[in-house]
PDB file of N, CA and C in Angstrom:
ATOM      1  N   GLY A   1     112.113 164.480  91.074  1.00  0.00           N
ATOM      2  CA  GLY A   1     113.525 164.234  91.060  1.00  0.00           C
ATOM      3  C   GLY A   1     113.936 163.284  92.155  1.00  0.00           C
ATOM      4  N   LYS A   2     115.101 163.563  92.708  1.00  0.00           N
ATOM      5  CA  LYS A   2     115.694 162.675  93.712  1.00  0.00           C
ATOM      6  C   LYS A   2     115.167 162.936  95.116  1.00  0.00           C
ATOM      7  N   ASP A   3     114.593 164.115  95.360  1.00  0.00           N
ATOM      8  CA  ASP A   3     114.128 164.457  96.703  1.00  0.00           C
ATOM      9  C   ASP A   3     112.686 164.012  96.905  1.00  0.00           C
ATOM     10  N   ARG A   4     112.375 163.701  98.156  1.00  0.00           N
ATOM     11  CA  ARG A   4     111.031 163.283  98.505  1.00  0.00           C
ATOM     12  C   ARG A   4     110.636 164.012  99.775  1.00  0.00           C
ATOM     13  N   ILE A   5     109.474 164.616  99.787  1.00  0.00           N
ATOM     14  CA  ILE A   5     109.002 165.340 100.961  1.00  0.00           C
ATOM     15  C   ILE A   5     108.127 164.406 101.783  1.00  0.00           C
ATOM     16  N   ILE A   6     108.438 164.333 103.081  1.00  0.00           N
ATOM     17  CA  ILE A   6     107.664 163.491 103.991  1.00  0.00           C
ATOM     18  C   ILE A   6     107.191 164.381 105.123  1.00  0.00           C
ATOM     19  N   PHE A   7     105.893 164.350 105.398  1.00  0.00           N
ATOM     20  CA  PHE A   7     105.353 165.139 106.502  1.00  0.00           C
ATOM     21  C   PHE A   7     105.237 164.239 107.719  1.00  0.00           C
ATOM     22  N   ALA A   8     105.786 164.697 108.842  1.00  0.00           N
ATOM     23  CA  ALA A   8     105.716 163.936 110.082  1.00  0.00           C
ATOM     24  C   ALA A   8     104.648 164.557 110.983  1.00  0.00           C
ATOM     25  N   THR A   9     103.863 163.703 111.609  1.00  0.00           N
ATOM     26  CA  THR A   9     102.832 164.177 112.526  1.00  0.00           C
ATOM     27  C   THR A   9     103.379 164.223 113.942  1.00  0.00           C
ATOM     28  N   LYS A  10     102.631 164.826 114.847  1.00  0.00           N
ATOM     29  CA  LYS A  10     103.040 164.878 116.254  1.00  0.00           C
ATOM     30  C   LYS A  10     103.173 163.449 116.790  1.00  0.00           C
ATOM     31  N   GLU A  11     102.268 162.579 116.372  1.00  0.00           N
ATOM     32  CA  GLU A  11     102.301 161.181 116.819  1.00  0.00           C
ATOM     33  C   GLU A  11     103.577 160.484 116.343  1.00  0.00           C
ATOM     34  N   ASP A  12     104.003 160.813 115.109  1.00  0.00           N
ATOM     35  CA  ASP A  12     105.240 160.223 114.580  1.00  0.00           C
ATOM     36  C   ASP A  12     106.419 160.547 115.497  1.00  0.00           C
ATOM     37  N   HIS A  13     106.437 161.780 116.012  1.00  0.00           N
ATOM     38  CA  HIS A  13     107.557 162.210 116.855  1.00  0.00           C
ATOM     39  C   HIS A  13     107.483 161.637 118.265  1.00  0.00           C
ATOM     40  N   GLU A  14     106.302 161.209 118.692  1.00  0.00           N
ATOM     41  CA  GLU A  14     106.149 160.667 120.051  1.00  0.00           C
ATOM     42  C   GLU A  14     106.573 159.205 120.131  1.00  0.00           C
ATOM     43  N   THR A  15     106.641 158.524 119.000  1.00  0.00           N
ATOM     44  CA  THR A  15     107.047 157.122 118.979  1.00  0.00           C
ATOM     45  C   THR A  15     108.567 157.043 119.075  1.00  0.00           C
ATOM     46  N   PRO A  16     109.101 156.228 120.005  1.00  0.00           N
ATOM     47  CA  PRO A  16     110.576 156.118 120.115  1.00  0.00           C
ATOM     48  C   PRO A  16     111.186 155.579 118.821  1.00  0.00           C
ATOM     49  N   SER A  17     112.377 156.019 118.541  1.00  0.00           N
ATOM     50  CA  SER A  17     113.071 155.590 117.334  1.00  0.00           C
ATOM     51  C   SER A  17     113.473 154.132 117.435  1.00  0.00           C
ATOM     52  N   SER A  18     113.415 153.445 116.303  1.00  0.00           N
ATOM     53  CA  SER A  18     113.852 152.049 116.279  1.00  0.00           C
ATOM     54  C   SER A  18     115.185 151.926 115.528  1.00  0.00           C
ATOM     55  N   ALA A  19     115.835 153.084 115.292  1.00  0.00           N
ATOM     56  CA  ALA A  19     117.113 153.073 114.573  1.00  0.00           C
ATOM     57  C   ALA A  19     118.183 152.401 115.412  1.00  0.00           C
ATOM     58  N   GLU A  20     119.017 151.611 114.758  1.00  0.00           N
ATOM     59  CA  GLU A  20     120.123 150.948 115.447  1.00  0.00           C
ATOM     60  C   GLU A  20     121.425 151.639 115.073  1.00  0.00           C
ATOM     61  N   LEU A  21     122.249 151.900 116.064  1.00  0.00           N
ATOM     62  CA  LEU A  21     123.545 152.516 115.807  1.00  0.00           C
ATOM     63  C   LEU A  21     124.554 151.421 115.498  1.00  0.00           C
ATOM     64  N   VAL A  22     125.332 151.649 114.475  1.00  0.00           N
ATOM     65  CA  VAL A  22     126.337 150.679 114.066  1.00  0.00           C
ATOM     66  C   VAL A  22     127.693 151.167 114.579  1.00  0.00           C
ATOM     67  N   ALA A  23     128.441 150.274 115.199  1.00  0.00           N
ATOM     68  CA  ALA A  23     129.760 150.651 115.715  1.00  0.00           C
ATOM     69  C   ALA A  23     130.667 151.083 114.573  1.00  0.00           C
ATOM     70  N   ASP A  24     131.525 152.061 114.845  1.00  0.00           N
ATOM     71  CA  ASP A  24     132.466 152.520 113.826  1.00  0.00           C
ATOM     72  C   ASP A  24     133.421 151.396 113.446  1.00  0.00           C
ATOM     73  N   ASP A  25     133.663 151.273 112.167  1.00  0.00           N
ATOM     74  CA  ASP A  25     134.592 150.278 111.657  1.00  0.00           C
ATOM     75  C   ASP A  25     135.936 150.967 111.423  1.00  0.00           C
ATOM     76  N   PRO A  26     136.965 150.632 112.215  1.00  0.00           N
ATOM     77  CA  PRO A  26     138.261 151.298 112.041  1.00  0.00           C
ATOM     78  C   PRO A  26     138.890 151.041 110.686  1.00  0.00           C
ATOM     79  N   ASP A  27     138.440 150.003 109.969  1.00  0.00           N
ATOM     80  CA  ASP A  27     138.989 149.704 108.652  1.00  0.00           C
ATOM     81  C   ASP A  27     138.200 150.371 107.526  1.00  0.00           C
ATOM     82  N   ASP A  28     137.174 151.167 107.876  1.00  0.00           N
ATOM     83  CA  ASP A  28     136.355 151.831 106.865  1.00  0.00           C
ATOM     84  C   ASP A  28     137.199 152.871 106.139  1.00  0.00           C
ATOM     85  N   PRO A  29     137.427 152.681 104.827  1.00  0.00           N
ATOM     86  CA  PRO A  29     138.283 153.626 104.096  1.00  0.00           C
ATOM     87  C   PRO A  29     137.650 155.019 103.986  1.00  0.00           C
ATOM     88  N   TYR A  30     136.336 155.138 104.214  1.00  0.00           N
ATOM     89  CA  TYR A  30     135.671 156.428 104.108  1.00  0.00           C
ATOM     90  C   TYR A  30     135.544 157.137 105.450  1.00  0.00           C
ATOM     91  N   GLU A  31     136.001 156.483 106.517  1.00  0.00           N
ATOM     92  CA  GLU A  31     135.947 157.107 107.839  1.00  0.00           C
ATOM     93  C   GLU A  31     136.774 158.382 107.820  1.00  0.00           C
ATOM     94  N   GLU A  32     136.278 159.428 108.462  1.00  0.00           N
ATOM     95  CA  GLU A  32     137.009 160.700 108.481  1.00  0.00           C
ATOM     96  C   GLU A  32     138.355 160.502 109.181  1.00  0.00           C
ATOM     97  N   GLN A  33     139.421 160.888 108.516  1.00  0.00           N
ATOM     98  CA  GLN A  33     140.773 160.674 109.030  1.00  0.00           C
ATOM     99  C   GLN A  33     141.447 161.979 109.425  1.00  0.00           C
ATOM    100  N   GLY A  34     140.751 163.092 109.325  1.00  0.00           N
ATOM    101  CA  GLY A  34     141.407 164.376 109.502  1.00  0.00           C
ATOM    102  C   GLY A  34     141.784 164.916 108.133  1.00  0.00           C
ATOM    103  N   LEU A  35     142.499 166.016 108.126  1.00  0.00           N
ATOM    104  CA  LEU A  35     142.816 166.682 106.867  1.00  0.00           C
ATOM    105  C   LEU A  35     143.765 165.876 105.985  1.00  0.00           C
ATOM    106  N   ILE A  36     144.739 165.229 106.611  1.00  0.00           N
ATOM    107  CA  ILE A  36     145.722 164.468 105.835  1.00  0.00           C
ATOM    108  C   ILE A  36     145.546 162.979 106.130  1.00  0.00           C
ATOM    109  N   LEU A  37     145.368 162.210 105.082  1.00  0.00           N
ATOM    110  CA  LEU A  37     145.201 160.756 105.221  1.00  0.00           C
ATOM    111  C   LEU A  37     146.542 160.118 105.592  1.00  0.00           C
ATOM    112  N   PRO A  38     146.514 158.898 106.144  1.00  0.00           N
ATOM    113  CA  PRO A  38     147.767 158.227 106.536  1.00  0.00           C
ATOM    114  C   PRO A  38     148.801 158.159 105.414  1.00  0.00           C
ATOM    115  N   ASN A  39     148.367 158.096 104.158  1.00  0.00           N
ATOM    116  CA  ASN A  39     149.318 158.015 103.040  1.00  0.00           C
ATOM    117  C   ASN A  39     149.848 159.385 102.619  1.00  0.00           C
ATOM    118  N   GLY A  40     149.412 160.464 103.321  1.00  0.00           N
ATOM    119  CA  GLY A  40     149.904 161.805 103.014  1.00  0.00           C
ATOM    120  C   GLY A  40     149.027 162.591 102.060  1.00  0.00           C
ATOM    121  N   ASP A  41     148.005 161.937 101.486  1.00  0.00           N
ATOM    122  CA  ASP A  41     147.086 162.632 100.586  1.00  0.00           C
ATOM    123  C   ASP A  41     146.147 163.539 101.375  1.00  0.00           C
ATOM    124  N   ILE A  42     145.568 164.502 100.680  1.00  0.00           N
ATOM    125  CA  ILE A  42     144.598 165.391 101.300  1.00  0.00           C
ATOM    126  C   ILE A  42     143.248 164.682 101.349  1.00  0.00           C
ATOM    127  N   ASN A  43     142.587 164.746 102.505  1.00  0.00           N
ATOM    128  CA  ASN A  43     141.265 164.157 102.676  1.00  0.00           C
ATOM    129  C   ASN A  43     140.224 165.219 102.324  1.00  0.00           C
ATOM    130  N   TRP A  44     139.746 165.197 101.082  1.00  0.00           N
ATOM    131  CA  TRP A  44     138.806 166.211 100.614  1.00  0.00           C
ATOM    132  C   TRP A  44     137.461 166.116 101.320  1.00  0.00           C
ATOM    133  N   ASN A  45     137.187 165.010 102.028  1.00  0.00           N
ATOM    134  CA  ASN A  45     135.925 164.850 102.749  1.00  0.00           C
ATOM    135  C   ASN A  45     136.011 165.332 104.193  1.00  0.00           C
ATOM    136  N   CYS A  46     137.153 165.848 104.603  1.00  0.00           N
ATOM    137  CA  CYS A  46     137.327 166.296 105.981  1.00  0.00           C
ATOM    138  C   CYS A  46     136.363 167.453 106.277  1.00  0.00           C
ATOM    139  N   PRO A  47     135.589 167.345 107.376  1.00  0.00           N
ATOM    140  CA  PRO A  47     134.685 168.447 107.722  1.00  0.00           C
ATOM    141  C   PRO A  47     135.448 169.747 107.998  1.00  0.00           C
ATOM    142  N   CYS A  48     136.733 169.634 108.290  1.00  0.00           N
ATOM    143  CA  CYS A  48     137.543 170.823 108.573  1.00  0.00           C
ATOM    144  C   CYS A  48     137.661 171.742 107.358  1.00  0.00           C
ATOM    145  N   LEU A  49     137.366 171.229 106.163  1.00  0.00           N
ATOM    146  CA  LEU A  49     137.418 172.065 104.957  1.00  0.00           C
ATOM    147  C   LEU A  49     136.107 172.808 104.715  1.00  0.00           C
ATOM    148  N   GLY A  50     135.128 172.551 105.568  1.00  0.00           N
ATOM    149  CA  GLY A  50     133.871 173.280 105.486  1.00  0.00           C
ATOM    150  C   GLY A  50     133.156 173.159 104.158  1.00  0.00           C
ATOM    151  N   GLY A  51     133.334 172.042 103.469  1.00  0.00           N
ATOM    152  CA  GLY A  51     132.654 171.835 102.202  1.00  0.00           C
ATOM    153  C   GLY A  51     133.253 172.594 101.028  1.00  0.00           C
ATOM    154  N   MET A  52     134.389 173.231 101.236  1.00  0.00           N
ATOM    155  CA  MET A  52     135.006 174.027 100.164  1.00  0.00           C
ATOM    156  C   MET A  52     135.427 173.171  98.969  1.00  0.00           C
ATOM    157  N   ALA A  53     135.683 171.898  99.190  1.00  0.00           N
ATOM    158  CA  ALA A  53     136.151 171.039  98.104  1.00  0.00           C
ATOM    159  C   ALA A  53     135.027 170.627  97.162  1.00  0.00           C
ATOM    160  N   SER A  54     133.783 170.912  97.551  1.00  0.00           N
ATOM    161  CA  SER A  54     132.663 170.632  96.652  1.00  0.00           C
ATOM    162  C   SER A  54     132.022 171.966  96.283  1.00  0.00           C
ATOM    163  N   GLY A  55     131.002 171.931  95.483  1.00  0.00           N
ATOM    164  CA  GLY A  55     130.366 173.178  95.067  1.00  0.00           C
ATOM    165  C   GLY A  55     130.950 173.686  93.768  1.00  0.00           C
ATOM    166  N   PRO A  56     130.463 174.843  93.320  1.00  0.00           N
ATOM    167  CA  PRO A  56     130.862 175.331  91.996  1.00  0.00           C
ATOM    168  C   PRO A  56     132.337 175.694  91.871  1.00  0.00           C
ATOM    169  N   CYS A  57     133.009 175.953  92.983  1.00  0.00           N
ATOM    170  CA  CYS A  57     134.443 176.307  92.925  1.00  0.00           C
ATOM    171  C   CYS A  57     135.319 175.235  93.575  1.00  0.00           C
ATOM    172  N   GLY A  58     134.762 174.046  93.730  1.00  0.00           N
ATOM    173  CA  GLY A  58     135.488 172.956  94.377  1.00  0.00           C
ATOM    174  C   GLY A  58     136.795 172.601  93.686  1.00  0.00           C
ATOM    175  N   GLU A  59     136.755 172.547  92.363  1.00  0.00           N
ATOM    176  CA  GLU A  59     137.974 172.171  91.628  1.00  0.00           C
ATOM    177  C   GLU A  59     139.058 173.240  91.779  1.00  0.00           C
ATOM    178  N   GLN A  60     138.650 174.512  91.750  1.00  0.00           N
ATOM    179  CA  GLN A  60     139.618 175.601  91.915  1.00  0.00           C
ATOM    180  C   GLN A  60     140.197 175.565  93.332  1.00  0.00           C
ATOM    181  N   PHE A  61     139.335 175.277  94.326  1.00  0.00           N
ATOM    182  CA  PHE A  61     139.806 175.177  95.704  1.00  0.00           C
ATOM    183  C   PHE A  61     140.808 174.031  95.841  1.00  0.00           C
ATOM    184  N   LYS A  62     140.461 172.879  95.275  1.00  0.00           N
ATOM    185  CA  LYS A  62     141.350 171.715  95.358  1.00  0.00           C
ATOM    186  C   LYS A  62     142.700 172.016  94.715  1.00  0.00           C
ATOM    187  N   SER A  63     142.660 172.679  93.577  1.00  0.00           N
ATOM    188  CA  SER A  63     143.899 173.018  92.873  1.00  0.00           C
ATOM    189  C   SER A  63     144.767 173.938  93.733  1.00  0.00           C
ATOM    190  N   ALA A  64     144.160 174.983  94.290  1.00  0.00           N
ATOM    191  CA  ALA A  64     144.907 175.949  95.105  1.00  0.00           C
ATOM    192  C   ALA A  64     145.406 175.300  96.392  1.00  0.00           C
ATOM    193  N   PHE A  65     144.531 174.536  97.052  1.00  0.00           N
ATOM    194  CA  PHE A  65     144.915 173.919  98.323  1.00  0.00           C
ATOM    195  C   PHE A  65     146.002 172.874  98.110  1.00  0.00           C
ATOM    196  N   SER A  66     145.870 172.068  97.049  1.00  0.00           N
ATOM    197  CA  SER A  66     146.897 171.058  96.749  1.00  0.00           C
ATOM    198  C   SER A  66     148.237 171.728  96.497  1.00  0.00           C
ATOM    199  N   CYS A  67     148.212 172.771  95.683  1.00  0.00           N
ATOM    200  CA  CYS A  67     149.440 173.494  95.364  1.00  0.00           C
ATOM    201  C   CYS A  67     150.090 173.995  96.650  1.00  0.00           C
ATOM    202  N   PHE A  68     149.277 174.605  97.511  1.00  0.00           N
ATOM    203  CA  PHE A  68     149.799 175.142  98.773  1.00  0.00           C
ATOM    204  C   PHE A  68     150.346 174.015  99.650  1.00  0.00           C
ATOM    205  N   HIS A  69     149.577 172.941  99.785  1.00  0.00           N
ATOM    206  CA  HIS A  69     149.961 171.826 100.652  1.00  0.00           C
ATOM    207  C   HIS A  69     151.288 171.203 100.223  1.00  0.00           C
ATOM    208  N   TYR A  70     151.464 171.029  98.924  1.00  0.00           N
ATOM    209  CA  TYR A  70     152.670 170.363  98.425  1.00  0.00           C
ATOM    210  C   TYR A  70     153.794 171.343  98.074  1.00  0.00           C
ATOM    211  N   SER A  71     153.560 172.638  98.291  1.00  0.00           N
ATOM    212  CA  SER A  71     154.556 173.652  97.941  1.00  0.00           C
ATOM    213  C   SER A  71     155.846 173.464  98.746  1.00  0.00           C
ATOM    214  N   THR A  72     156.971 173.578  98.045  1.00  0.00           N
ATOM    215  CA  THR A  72     158.277 173.466  98.706  1.00  0.00           C
ATOM    216  C   THR A  72     159.028 174.795  98.622  1.00  0.00           C
ATOM    217  N   GLU A  73     158.332 175.843  98.204  1.00  0.00           N
ATOM    218  CA  GLU A  73     158.961 177.154  98.082  1.00  0.00           C
ATOM    219  C   GLU A  73     159.358 177.687  99.460  1.00  0.00           C
ATOM    220  N   GLU A  74     160.348 178.587  99.463  1.00  0.00           N
ATOM    221  CA  GLU A  74     160.798 179.224 100.705  1.00  0.00           C
ATOM    222  C   GLU A  74     159.613 179.905 101.401  1.00  0.00           C
ATOM    223  N   ILE A  75     158.830 180.649 100.650  1.00  0.00           N
ATOM    224  CA  ILE A  75     157.575 181.202 101.171  1.00  0.00           C
ATOM    225  C   ILE A  75     156.489 180.269 100.678  1.00  0.00           C
ATOM    226  N   LYS A  76     156.042 179.378 101.579  1.00  0.00           N
ATOM    227  CA  LYS A  76     155.107 178.310 101.204  1.00  0.00           C
ATOM    228  C   LYS A  76     153.911 178.881 100.445  1.00  0.00           C
ATOM    229  N   GLY A  77     153.623 178.292  99.306  1.00  0.00           N
ATOM    230  CA  GLY A  77     152.475 178.697  98.507  1.00  0.00           C
ATOM    231  C   GLY A  77     152.738 179.842  97.549  1.00  0.00           C
ATOM    232  N   SER A  78     153.937 180.392  97.585  1.00  0.00           N
ATOM    233  CA  SER A  78     154.222 181.530  96.698  1.00  0.00           C
ATOM    234  C   SER A  78     154.199 181.130  95.224  1.00  0.00           C
ATOM    235  N   ASP A  79     154.261 179.843  94.965  1.00  0.00           N
ATOM    236  CA  ASP A  79     154.189 179.347  93.595  1.00  0.00           C
ATOM    237  C   ASP A  79     152.747 179.022  93.178  1.00  0.00           C
ATOM    238  N   CYS A  80     151.776 179.415  94.007  1.00  0.00           N
ATOM    239  CA  CYS A  80     150.381 179.044  93.774  1.00  0.00           C
ATOM    240  C   CYS A  80     149.470 180.240  93.481  1.00  0.00           C
ATOM    241  N   VAL A  81     150.062 181.366  93.146  1.00  0.00           N
ATOM    242  CA  VAL A  81     149.290 182.595  92.948  1.00  0.00           C
ATOM    243  C   VAL A  81     148.206 182.411  91.888  1.00  0.00           C
ATOM    244  N   ASP A  82     148.537 181.772  90.775  1.00  0.00           N
ATOM    245  CA  ASP A  82     147.556 181.594  89.703  1.00  0.00           C
ATOM    246  C   ASP A  82     146.363 180.761  90.156  1.00  0.00           C
ATOM    247  N   GLN A  83     146.628 179.697  90.916  1.00  0.00           N
ATOM    248  CA  GLN A  83     145.545 178.837  91.393  1.00  0.00           C
ATOM    249  C   GLN A  83     144.639 179.596  92.364  1.00  0.00           C
ATOM    250  N   PHE A  84     145.257 180.389  93.264  1.00  0.00           N
ATOM    251  CA  PHE A  84     144.452 181.159  94.210  1.00  0.00           C
ATOM    252  C   PHE A  84     143.640 182.234  93.495  1.00  0.00           C
ATOM    253  N   ARG A  85     144.231 182.829  92.463  1.00  0.00           N
ATOM    254  CA  ARG A  85     143.509 183.851  91.697  1.00  0.00           C
ATOM    255  C   ARG A  85     142.287 183.214  91.026  1.00  0.00           C
ATOM    256  N   ALA A  86     142.467 182.044  90.429  1.00  0.00           N
ATOM    257  CA  ALA A  86     141.356 181.342  89.769  1.00  0.00           C
ATOM    258  C   ALA A  86     140.262 181.006  90.783  1.00  0.00           C
ATOM    259  N   MET A  87     140.669 180.560  91.962  1.00  0.00           N
ATOM    260  CA  MET A  87     139.698 180.233  93.009  1.00  0.00           C
ATOM    261  C   MET A  87     138.932 181.488  93.428  1.00  0.00           C
ATOM    262  N   GLN A  88     139.645 182.577  93.632  1.00  0.00           N
ATOM    263  CA  GLN A  88     138.999 183.814  94.056  1.00  0.00           C
ATOM    264  C   GLN A  88     138.047 184.338  92.980  1.00  0.00           C
ATOM    265  N   GLU A  89     138.468 184.280  91.722  1.00  0.00           N
ATOM    266  CA  GLU A  89     137.602 184.731  90.627  1.00  0.00           C
ATOM    267  C   GLU A  89     136.329 183.892  90.566  1.00  0.00           C
ATOM    268  N   CYS A  90     136.462 182.600  90.773  1.00  0.00           N
ATOM    269  CA  CYS A  90     135.295 181.726  90.779  1.00  0.00           C
ATOM    270  C   CYS A  90     134.364 182.101  91.926  1.00  0.00           C
ATOM    271  N   MET A  91     134.927 182.265  93.106  1.00  0.00           N
ATOM    272  CA  MET A  91     134.108 182.562  94.289  1.00  0.00           C
ATOM    273  C   MET A  91     133.367 183.891  94.164  1.00  0.00           C
ATOM    274  N   GLN A  92     133.973 184.835  93.469  1.00  0.00           N
ATOM    275  CA  GLN A  92     133.320 186.136  93.291  1.00  0.00           C
ATOM    276  C   GLN A  92     132.071 186.020  92.425  1.00  0.00           C
ATOM    277  N   LYS A  93     131.972 184.947  91.639  1.00  0.00           N
ATOM    278  CA  LYS A  93     130.789 184.730  90.796  1.00  0.00           C
ATOM    279  C   LYS A  93     129.614 184.204  91.615  1.00  0.00           C
ATOM    280  N   TYR A  94     129.893 183.727  92.848  1.00  0.00           N
ATOM    281  CA  TYR A  94     128.861 183.125  93.699  1.00  0.00           C
ATOM    282  C   TYR A  94     128.882 183.775  95.080  1.00  0.00           C
ATOM    283  N   PRO A  95     128.541 185.074  95.164  1.00  0.00           N
ATOM    284  CA  PRO A  95     128.637 185.775  96.455  1.00  0.00           C
ATOM    285  C   PRO A  95     127.725 185.205  97.542  1.00  0.00           C
ATOM    286  N   ASP A  96     126.621 184.565  97.151  1.00  0.00           N
ATOM    287  CA  ASP A  96     125.746 183.972  98.164  1.00  0.00           C
ATOM    288  C   ASP A  96     126.380 182.754  98.824  1.00  0.00           C
ATOM    289  N   LEU A  97     127.153 182.005  98.035  1.00  0.00           N
ATOM    290  CA  LEU A  97     127.806 180.806  98.570  1.00  0.00           C
ATOM    291  C   LEU A  97     129.130 181.121  99.264  1.00  0.00           C
ATOM    292  N   TYR A  98     129.818 182.147  98.761  1.00  0.00           N
ATOM    293  CA  TYR A  98     131.130 182.501  99.287  1.00  0.00           C
ATOM    294  C   TYR A  98     131.129 183.979  99.662  1.00  0.00           C
ATOM    295  N   PRO A  99     130.584 184.315 100.842  1.00  0.00           N
ATOM    296  CA  PRO A  99     130.536 185.734 101.236  1.00  0.00           C
ATOM    297  C   PRO A  99     131.939 186.326 101.298  1.00  0.00           C
ATOM    298  N   GLN A 100     132.079 187.535 100.767  1.00  0.00           N
ATOM    299  CA  GLN A 100     133.382 188.213 100.757  1.00  0.00           C
ATOM    300  C   GLN A 100     133.586 188.957 102.066  1.00  0.00           C
ATOM    301  N   GLU A 101     134.802 188.949 102.554  1.00  0.00           N
ATOM    302  CA  GLU A 101     135.164 189.733 103.728  1.00  0.00           C
ATOM    303  C   GLU A 101     136.184 190.769 103.289  1.00  0.00           C
ATOM    304  N   ASP A 102     136.357 191.806 104.119  1.00  0.00           N
ATOM    305  CA  ASP A 102     137.283 192.878 103.765  1.00  0.00           C
ATOM    306  C   ASP A 102     138.690 192.352 103.535  1.00  0.00           C
ATOM    307  N   GLU A 103     139.160 191.459 104.425  1.00  0.00           N
ATOM    308  CA  GLU A 103     140.513 190.938 104.279  1.00  0.00           C
ATOM    309  C   GLU A 103     140.482 189.579 103.596  1.00  0.00           C
ATOM    310  N   ASN A 104     139.689 189.450 102.535  1.00  0.00           N
ATOM    311  CA  ASN A 104     139.472 188.170 101.869  1.00  0.00           C
ATOM    312  C   ASN A 104     140.762 187.517 101.387  1.00  0.00           C
ATOM    313  N   ASP A 105     141.646 188.302 100.770  1.00  0.00           N
ATOM    314  CA  ASP A 105     142.902 187.728 100.267  1.00  0.00           C
ATOM    315  C   ASP A 105     143.715 187.164 101.419  1.00  0.00           C
ATOM    316  N   GLU A 106     143.806 187.947 102.498  1.00  0.00           N
ATOM    317  CA  GLU A 106     144.565 187.509 103.672  1.00  0.00           C
ATOM    318  C   GLU A 106     143.931 186.271 104.272  1.00  0.00           C
ATOM    319  N   LYS A 107     142.601 186.290 104.393  1.00  0.00           N
ATOM    320  CA  LYS A 107     141.874 185.216 105.056  1.00  0.00           C
ATOM    321  C   LYS A 107     142.123 183.879 104.365  1.00  0.00           C
ATOM    322  N   SER A 108     142.040 183.842 103.039  1.00  0.00           N
ATOM    323  CA  SER A 108     142.215 182.584 102.323  1.00  0.00           C
ATOM    324  C   SER A 108     143.574 181.971 102.597  1.00  0.00           C
ATOM    325  N   SER A 109     144.620 182.772 102.493  1.00  0.00           N
ATOM    326  CA  SER A 109     145.950 182.205 102.691  1.00  0.00           C
ATOM    327  C   SER A 109     146.181 181.861 104.159  1.00  0.00           C
ATOM    328  N   LYS A 110     145.604 182.648 105.086  1.00  0.00           N
ATOM    329  CA  LYS A 110     145.761 182.320 106.512  1.00  0.00           C
ATOM    330  C   LYS A 110     145.037 181.030 106.845  1.00  0.00           C
ATOM    331  N   ASP A 111     143.825 180.839 106.299  1.00  0.00           N
ATOM    332  CA  ASP A 111     143.087 179.606 106.541  1.00  0.00           C
ATOM    333  C   ASP A 111     143.867 178.407 106.021  1.00  0.00           C
ATOM    334  N   LEU A 112     144.417 178.532 104.819  1.00  0.00           N
ATOM    335  CA  LEU A 112     145.177 177.427 104.247  1.00  0.00           C
ATOM    336  C   LEU A 112     146.444 177.171 105.050  1.00  0.00           C
ATOM    337  N   GLU A 113     147.078 178.263 105.494  1.00  0.00           N
ATOM    338  CA  GLU A 113     148.282 178.119 106.293  1.00  0.00           C
ATOM    339  C   GLU A 113     147.962 177.396 107.602  1.00  0.00           C
ATOM    340  N   ALA A 114     146.848 177.786 108.244  1.00  0.00           N
ATOM    341  CA  ALA A 114     146.438 177.161 109.500  1.00  0.00           C
ATOM    342  C   ALA A 114     146.126 175.686 109.274  1.00  0.00           C
ATOM    343  N   ALA A 115     145.419 175.379 108.184  1.00  0.00           N
ATOM    344  CA  ALA A 115     145.083 173.995 107.883  1.00  0.00           C
ATOM    345  C   ALA A 115     146.348 173.187 107.612  1.00  0.00           C
ATOM    346  N   SER A 116     147.292 173.790 106.920  1.00  0.00           N
ATOM    347  CA  SER A 116     148.537 173.104 106.612  1.00  0.00           C
ATOM    348  C   SER A 116     149.347 172.861 107.884  1.00  0.00           C
ATOM    349  N   THR A 117     149.393 173.863 108.762  1.00  0.00           N
ATOM    350  CA  THR A 117     150.104 173.729 110.035  1.00  0.00           C
ATOM    351  C   THR A 117     149.456 172.633 110.860  1.00  0.00           C
ATOM    352  N   GLU A 118     148.114 172.627 110.879  1.00  0.00           N
ATOM    353  CA  GLU A 118     147.363 171.611 111.618  1.00  0.00           C
ATOM    354  C   GLU A 118     147.692 170.230 111.059  1.00  0.00           C
ATOM    355  N   ALA A 119     147.769 170.117 109.747  1.00  0.00           N
ATOM    356  CA  ALA A 119     148.067 168.849 109.107  1.00  0.00           C
ATOM    357  C   ALA A 119     149.476 168.377 109.454  1.00  0.00           C
ATOM    358  N   SER A 120     150.434 169.305 109.441  1.00  0.00           N
ATOM    359  CA  SER A 120     151.804 168.948 109.783  1.00  0.00           C
ATOM    360  C   SER A 120     151.887 168.458 111.215  1.00  0.00           C
ATOM    361  N   ALA A 121     151.181 169.152 112.108  1.00  0.00           N
ATOM    362  CA  ALA A 121     151.173 168.761 113.528  1.00  0.00           C
ATOM    363  C   ALA A 121     150.555 167.378 113.679  1.00  0.00           C
ATOM    364  N   ALA A 122     149.469 167.130 112.948  1.00  0.00           N
ATOM    365  CA  ALA A 122     148.796 165.843 113.031  1.00  0.00           C
ATOM    366  C   ALA A 122     149.710 164.739 112.499  1.00  0.00           C
ATOM    367  N   LYS A 123     150.435 165.038 111.431  1.00  0.00           N
ATOM    368  CA  LYS A 123     151.339 164.045 110.834  1.00  0.00           C
ATOM    369  C   LYS A 123     152.466 163.715 111.825  1.00  0.00           C
ATOM    370  N   GLU A 124     153.029 164.769 112.471  1.00  0.00           N
ATOM    371  CA  GLU A 124     154.103 164.563 113.437  1.00  0.00           C
ATOM    372  C   GLU A 124     153.602 163.756 114.625  1.00  0.00           C
ATOM    373  N   GLU A 125     152.365 164.061 115.071  1.00  0.00           N
ATOM    374  CA  GLU A 125     151.765 163.352 116.200  1.00  0.00           C
ATOM    375  C   GLU A 125     151.657 161.866 115.877  1.00  0.00           C
ATOM    376  N   LYS A 126     151.145 161.552 114.673  1.00  0.00           N
ATOM    377  CA  LYS A 126     150.986 160.145 114.280  1.00  0.00           C
ATOM    378  C   LYS A 126     152.340 159.460 114.201  1.00  0.00           C
ATOM    379  N   GLY A 127     153.343 160.168 113.701  1.00  0.00           N
ATOM    380  CA  GLY A 127     154.652 159.588 113.540  1.00  0.00           C
ATOM    381  C   GLY A 127     155.356 159.314 114.855  1.00  0.00           C
ATOM    382  N   SER A 128     154.999 160.071 115.917  1.00  0.00           N
ATOM    383  CA  SER A 128     155.702 159.916 117.191  1.00  0.00           C
ATOM    384  C   SER A 128     155.101 158.869 118.085  1.00  0.00           C
ATOM    385  N   SER A 129     153.950 158.308 117.709  1.00  0.00           N
ATOM    386  CA  SER A 129     153.320 157.315 118.598  1.00  0.00           C
ATOM    387  C   SER A 129     153.837 155.921 118.383  1.00  0.00           C
TER     388      SER A 129
END
């Protein structure tokens, strides 16, 4: 398939690396921008999401997180119950990938709330400079 196994010897590790580091390009559209991109979209590649946007429940996560992020309800995200339920049902099918905790329902919404708060703070910070 796509993977290739390479065995390295002790001698291989003793030779200094000849890899060259490339300076970061500030115009690189794929550069990590944080959770919220300058245009207000969600950055699904942000390491802060811990890979939740990919994997077998990635689409359900994106749906729930998007709903929560863009929610204008008095109780933010209260209009997203169906999306969160779908995400949780999906995750329960993959317990090895998504370990369950006792306060799982609370944890998901608290994590999203924290991420959303972090995003709002980051947006305000960018706007004030």
